[in-house]
């Protein structure tokens, strides 16, 4: 009896372990019944028929990174490139992932390599470095279309390294150095050109400023001289008018005669002081004649 009870207990344990399955989150388990697909177990507690149902496949539904092995690709201009990348995919259909391909991971890897060789073969060497995003997009589109039958969705592909041969790399570095030297020379020449332009502009502006200052100074000087001449003329005219008005007064003519006589005498006195030899009139009647002539001229110019 004890042996029978032990056998029943073992059978019960096997029955329970085969019939009760707990699926973790983000997992999908495929169940076959009598060798044929039966169901896909979802996360949580699930029950199977012992010795009839069996777990055939277990799939992880998380995003999975897959390293794509390095390979040699030939560019359009016949240059070899060592290329490796990384692929990100996710199982979306557990049934197709189980029966659509014998090994969907190997299929994705091989398809990624062939697609990459095809895309790079259509590009020249320089473009492969510039168009990494375009290459990644081409690979993803090609893989995603084919992977639908495998129950897999390709999310993205990233190129990790693009390594040309050593001699090509050396030539590219020399070209980059030459380009940088060229840009430096152009920048220096542009700087010198701008410097010359700035100097010429400054000198032109300074010359204009100086000429404007000289022009303003000459205008001010001319205006000052004109104002001075005008003032002198006005003062002289005013003095003449006052003298003329004084002469018209009673005794004015006699005063003029007396003033002229005084000036004549003073002139002779000045000559006597400055010269040892002096020519004087023979008699004083000539002085009187001189005064009379001056008065006659004055009367002719005086306003009638």
Protein backbone atom coordinates (compact mmCIF):
# COMPACT_ATOMS: atom_id res chain seq x y z
CA UNK A 1 0.00 0.00 0.00
CA UNK A 2 2.78 2.42 0.79
CA UNK A 3 4.32 1.82 -2.63
CA UNK A 4 0.99 2.40 -4.34
CA UNK A 5 0.46 5.63 -2.46
CA UNK A 6 3.91 6.80 -3.45
CA UNK A 7 3.22 6.02 -7.12
CA UNK A 8 -0.08 7.91 -6.96
CA UNK A 9 1.66 10.85 -5.35
CA UNK A 10 4.38 10.95 -8.07
CA UNK A 11 1.76 10.73 -10.81
CA UNK A 12 -0.17 13.58 -9.21
CA UNK A 13 2.96 15.71 -9.09
CA UNK A 14 3.69 15.01 -12.77
CA UNK A 15 0.10 15.76 -13.65
CA UNK A 16 0.20 19.10 -11.86
CA UNK A 17 3.54 20.15 -13.28
CA UNK A 18 2.47 19.28 -16.81
CA UNK A 19 -0.96 20.85 -16.56
CA UNK A 20 -0.17 24.17 -14.83
CA UNK A 21 2.10 26.69 -16.57
CA UNK A 22 2.90 30.25 -15.45
CA UNK A 23 4.07 32.45 -18.34
CA UNK A 24 6.19 35.52 -17.42
CA UNK A 25 5.40 39.01 -18.66
CA UNK A 26 6.60 39.86 -22.23
CA UNK A 27 6.85 36.16 -23.09
CA UNK A 28 4.81 33.94 -25.40
CA UNK A 29 4.81 30.14 -25.28
CA UNK A 30 3.58 28.00 -28.18
CA UNK A 31 1.64 24.82 -27.31
CA UNK A 32 1.30 21.80 -29.61
CA UNK A 33 -1.37 19.18 -29.14
CA UNK A 34 -0.48 15.80 -30.51
CA UNK A 35 2.26 17.38 -32.67
CA UNK A 36 0.03 20.16 -34.11
CA UNK A 37 -0.13 23.85 -33.19
CA UNK A 38 -2.81 24.34 -30.60
CA UNK A 39 -2.45 27.72 -28.83
CA UNK A 40 -0.16 30.51 -27.69
CA UNK A 41 -0.02 30.97 -23.95
CA UNK A 42 -0.29 34.54 -22.67
CA UNK A 43 1.45 35.85 -19.52
CA UNK A 44 -0.14 34.50 -16.32
CA UNK A 45 -1.56 31.16 -15.20
CA UNK A 46 -2.35 28.64 -17.96
CA UNK A 47 -3.58 25.00 -17.96
CA UNK A 48 -2.56 22.19 -20.31
CA UNK A 49 -3.74 18.64 -20.85
CA UNK A 50 -0.99 16.42 -19.51
CA UNK A 51 0.65 13.99 -21.91
CA UNK A 52 -1.39 15.51 -24.77
CA UNK A 53 -0.20 19.11 -24.88
CA UNK A 54 3.44 20.09 -24.85
CA UNK A 55 5.38 23.38 -24.86
CA UNK A 56 7.05 23.49 -28.28
CA UNK A 57 8.54 27.02 -28.35
CA UNK A 58 9.22 29.84 -25.94
CA UNK A 59 9.62 33.39 -27.30
CA UNK A 60 10.67 36.64 -25.68
CA UNK A 61 8.58 39.62 -26.85
CA UNK A 62 11.06 42.27 -25.70
CA UNK A 63 13.21 44.31 -28.09
CA UNK A 64 16.34 42.28 -28.79
CA UNK A 65 19.69 43.68 -30.04
CA UNK A 66 21.43 41.44 -32.55
CA UNK A 67 25.05 41.95 -33.50
CA UNK A 68 25.53 41.61 -37.27
CA UNK A 69 28.98 40.12 -37.99
CA UNK A 70 31.54 42.28 -39.78
CA UNK A 71 31.78 41.83 -43.55
CA UNK A 72 33.58 43.28 -46.57
CA UNK A 73 31.48 45.42 -48.93
CA UNK A 74 32.53 46.78 -52.33
CA UNK A 75 31.51 50.37 -53.14
CA UNK A 76 30.51 51.67 -56.56
CA UNK A 77 34.05 52.96 -57.16
CA UNK A 78 35.51 49.51 -56.31
CA UNK A 79 36.73 50.29 -52.80
CA UNK A 80 36.58 47.66 -50.07
CA UNK A 81 34.91 48.59 -46.81
CA UNK A 82 34.86 46.58 -43.60
CA UNK A 83 31.33 47.10 -42.23
CA UNK A 84 29.66 45.87 -39.08
CA UNK A 85 26.42 46.89 -37.42
CA UNK A 86 23.79 46.10 -34.86
CA UNK A 87 20.15 45.18 -35.48
CA UNK A 88 17.18 45.67 -33.17
CA UNK A 89 14.11 43.44 -33.63
CA UNK A 90 11.08 42.21 -31.74
CA UNK A 91 8.93 39.07 -32.00
CA UNK A 92 5.34 40.13 -32.74
CA UNK A 93 3.74 36.82 -33.75
CA UNK A 94 4.82 33.77 -31.75
CA UNK A 95 3.14 31.30 -34.13
CA UNK A 96 4.92 32.67 -37.23
CA UNK A 97 8.19 32.94 -35.33
CA UNK A 98 7.86 29.25 -34.50
CA UNK A 99 6.81 27.90 -37.90
CA UNK A 100 7.66 30.64 -40.43
CA UNK A 101 11.40 29.99 -40.35
CA UNK A 102 13.61 27.31 -38.96
CA UNK A 103 15.88 30.01 -37.50
CA UNK A 104 14.59 33.54 -37.82
CA UNK A 105 17.66 35.03 -36.10
CA UNK A 106 19.99 33.52 -38.69
CA UNK A 107 17.61 34.57 -41.47
CA UNK A 108 17.55 38.18 -40.25
CA UNK A 109 21.33 38.27 -39.91
CA UNK A 110 21.95 36.93 -43.40
CA UNK A 111 19.37 39.21 -44.98
CA UNK A 112 20.86 42.24 -43.19
CA UNK A 113 24.32 41.42 -44.58
CA UNK A 114 23.15 40.89 -48.16
CA UNK A 115 21.00 44.03 -48.11
CA UNK A 116 23.89 46.05 -46.72
CA UNK A 117 26.22 44.83 -49.47
CA UNK A 118 23.62 45.74 -52.08
CA UNK A 119 23.05 49.25 -50.74
CA UNK A 120 26.76 50.08 -50.34
CA UNK A 121 27.48 48.68 -53.81
CA UNK A 122 25.32 51.47 -55.28
CA UNK A 123 27.26 54.24 -53.51
CA UNK A 124 30.69 55.76 -53.91
CA UNK A 125 33.12 55.73 -51.02
CA UNK A 126 32.55 59.33 -49.91
CA UNK A 127 28.78 58.87 -49.96
CA UNK A 128 28.92 55.87 -47.65
CA UNK A 129 30.25 58.09 -44.87
CA UNK A 130 27.73 60.86 -45.58
CA UNK A 131 24.65 58.67 -46.07
CA UNK A 132 24.71 56.44 -43.00
CA UNK A 133 21.11 57.28 -42.14
CA UNK A 134 19.98 56.42 -45.68
CA UNK A 135 21.86 53.07 -45.55
CA UNK A 136 20.27 52.23 -42.19
CA UNK A 137 16.81 53.09 -43.53
CA UNK A 138 17.27 50.90 -46.63
CA UNK A 139 18.33 47.91 -44.53
CA UNK A 140 15.41 48.32 -42.11
CA UNK A 141 12.85 48.59 -44.93
CA UNK A 142 14.15 45.49 -46.69
CA UNK A 143 14.32 43.43 -43.49
CA UNK A 144 10.96 44.55 -42.14
CA UNK A 145 9.16 43.51 -45.33
CA UNK A 146 10.71 40.05 -45.35
CA UNK A 147 10.49 39.49 -41.56
CA UNK A 148 6.69 39.78 -41.52
CA UNK A 149 6.49 36.13 -42.59
CA UNK A 150 8.72 35.20 -39.70
CA UNK A 151 6.58 36.92 -37.07
CA UNK A 152 9.35 39.44 -36.43
CA UNK A 153 9.43 43.23 -36.74
CA UNK A 154 12.78 44.92 -37.43
CA UNK A 155 12.85 48.20 -35.52
CA UNK A 156 16.17 49.73 -36.59
CA UNK A 157 19.65 49.04 -37.88
CA UNK A 158 22.77 51.00 -37.01
CA UNK A 159 26.18 50.84 -38.67
CA UNK A 160 28.84 50.68 -35.97
CA UNK A 161 31.98 50.96 -38.09
CA UNK A 162 32.94 51.72 -41.68
CA UNK A 163 36.63 50.90 -42.09
CA UNK A 164 38.34 51.42 -45.47
CA UNK A 165 41.75 49.90 -46.29
CA UNK A 166 44.79 51.52 -44.69
CA UNK A 167 46.02 53.16 -47.92
CA UNK A 168 42.55 54.63 -48.60
CA UNK A 169 42.33 55.87 -45.03
CA UNK A 170 45.76 57.50 -45.35
CA UNK A 171 44.72 59.18 -48.62
CA UNK A 172 41.50 60.44 -47.01
CA UNK A 173 43.44 61.86 -44.07
CA UNK A 174 45.84 63.60 -46.47
CA UNK A 175 42.88 65.03 -48.39
CA UNK A 176 41.27 66.27 -45.19
CA UNK A 177 44.55 67.89 -44.14
CA UNK A 178 44.86 69.58 -47.54
CA UNK A 179 41.26 70.79 -47.37
CA UNK A 180 41.79 72.22 -43.89
CA UNK A 181 45.00 73.94 -45.06
CA UNK A 182 43.10 75.35 -48.03
CA UNK A 183 40.32 76.63 -45.80
CA UNK A 184 42.90 78.19 -43.48
CA UNK A 185 44.58 80.00 -46.39
CA UNK A 186 41.22 81.20 -47.70
CA UNK A 187 40.23 82.41 -44.23
CA UNK A 188 43.57 84.24 -43.85
CA UNK A 189 43.23 85.89 -47.27
CA UNK A 190 39.67 86.89 -46.50
CA UNK A 191 40.88 88.37 -43.24
CA UNK A 192 43.61 90.36 -45.00
CA UNK A 193 41.12 91.48 -47.65
CA UNK A 194 38.66 92.63 -45.02
CA UNK A 195 41.49 94.37 -43.17
CA UNK A 196 42.48 96.28 -46.32
CA UNK A 197 38.85 97.18 -46.93
CA UNK A 198 38.48 98.43 -43.36
CA UNK A 199 41.69 100.48 -43.61
CA UNK A 200 40.65 102.01 -46.95
CA UNK A 201 37.19 102.77 -45.61
CA UNK A 202 38.65 104.36 -42.50
CA UNK A 203 41.08 106.50 -44.52
CA UNK A 204 38.31 107.58 -46.89
CA UNK A 205 36.04 108.52 -44.01
CA UNK A 206 38.90 110.34 -42.27
CA UNK A 207 39.72 112.26 -45.49
CA UNK A 208 36.07 113.20 -45.91
CA UNK A 209 35.90 114.33 -42.30
CA UNK A 210 39.06 116.44 -42.68
CA UNK A 211 37.84 117.97 -45.93
CA UNK A 212 34.48 118.72 -44.36
CA UNK A 213 36.27 120.35 -41.43
CA UNK A 214 38.48 122.43 -43.74
CA UNK A 215 35.47 123.41 -45.79
CA UNK A 216 33.58 124.47 -42.68
CA UNK A 217 36.65 126.40 -41.41
CA UNK A 218 37.10 128.23 -44.74
CA UNK A 219 33.38 129.06 -44.84
CA UNK A 220 33.53 130.39 -41.30
CA UNK A 221 36.69 132.41 -42.13
CA UNK A 222 35.11 133.85 -45.27
CA UNK A 223 31.94 134.68 -43.41
CA UNK A 224 34.00 136.35 -40.67
CA UNK A 225 36.03 138.40 -43.16
CA UNK A 226 32.86 139.39 -45.01
CA UNK A 227 31.23 140.38 -41.76
CA UNK A 228 34.34 142.41 -40.80
CA UNK A 229 34.41 144.20 -44.20
CA UNK A 230 30.71 144.89 -43.92
CA UNK A 231 31.13 146.27 -40.41
CA UNK A 232 34.06 148.50 -41.48
CA UNK A 233 32.13 149.72 -44.49
CA UNK A 234 29.06 150.44 -42.43
CA UNK A 235 31.16 152.26 -39.83
CA UNK A 236 32.94 154.30 -42.55
CA UNK A 237 29.63 155.14 -44.22
CA UNK A 238 28.15 156.16 -40.91
CA UNK A 239 31.18 158.36 -40.15
CA UNK A 240 30.95 160.00 -43.58
CA UNK A 241 27.26 160.66 -43.08
CA UNK A 242 27.95 162.24 -39.72
CA UNK A 243 30.75 164.41 -41.19
CA UNK A 244 28.51 165.47 -44.05
CA UNK A 245 25.74 166.35 -41.64
CA UNK A 246 28.19 168.36 -39.51
CA UNK A 247 29.47 170.30 -42.54
CA UNK A 248 25.94 171.34 -43.45
CA UNK A 249 25.65 173.03 -40.10
CA UNK A 250 26.60 176.80 -39.79
CA UNK A 251 30.40 177.15 -39.67
CA UNK A 252 30.93 173.64 -40.90
CA UNK A 253 32.78 174.68 -44.06
CA UNK A 254 35.16 176.88 -42.10
CA UNK A 255 35.84 173.97 -39.72
CA UNK A 256 36.70 171.74 -42.69
CA UNK A 257 39.08 174.37 -44.06
CA UNK A 258 40.72 174.63 -40.71
CA UNK A 259 41.03 170.83 -40.42
CA UNK A 260 42.55 170.54 -43.89
CA UNK A 261 45.02 173.26 -43.07
CA UNK A 262 45.97 171.48 -39.88
CA UNK A 263 46.52 168.23 -41.76
CA UNK A 264 48.69 170.01 -44.32
CA UNK A 265 50.82 171.59 -41.63
CA UNK A 266 51.14 168.25 -39.83
CA UNK A 267 52.21 166.58 -43.07
CA UNK A 268 54.95 169.12 -43.63
CA UNK A 269 56.04 168.68 -40.03
CA UNK A 270 56.30 164.93 -40.50
CA UNK A 271 58.38 165.38 -43.62
CA UNK A 272 60.70 167.72 -41.76
CA UNK A 273 61.27 165.09 -39.06
CA UNK A 274 61.95 162.18 -41.46
CA UNK A 275 64.05 163.88 -44.16
CA UNK A 276 67.03 166.23 -44.09
CA UNK A 277 65.96 167.71 -47.38
CA UNK A 278 62.43 168.95 -47.81
CA UNK A 279 60.75 170.78 -50.65
CA UNK A 280 58.28 173.41 -49.35
CA UNK A 281 56.04 175.78 -51.25
CA UNK A 282 57.48 179.07 -52.29
CA UNK A 283 54.94 180.99 -50.33
CA UNK A 284 51.98 180.22 -48.14
CA UNK A 285 49.56 181.22 -50.91
CA UNK A 286 50.16 177.79 -52.38
CA UNK A 287 48.94 176.23 -49.15
CA UNK A 288 45.82 178.27 -49.34
CA UNK A 289 45.38 177.16 -52.97
CA UNK A 290 45.73 173.54 -51.87
CA UNK A 291 43.05 174.02 -49.26
CA UNK A 292 40.79 175.74 -51.74
CA UNK A 293 41.18 172.84 -54.23
CA UNK A 294 40.32 170.30 -51.55
CA UNK A 295 37.22 172.26 -50.57
CA UNK A 296 36.14 172.50 -54.19
CA UNK A 297 36.43 168.69 -54.59
CA UNK A 298 34.52 168.20 -51.39
CA UNK A 299 31.69 170.46 -52.53
CA UNK A 300 31.45 168.57 -55.83
CA UNK A 301 31.11 165.18 -54.05
CA UNK A 302 28.92 166.45 -51.24
CA UNK A 303 25.19 165.73 -51.72
CA UNK A 304 23.41 168.80 -53.10
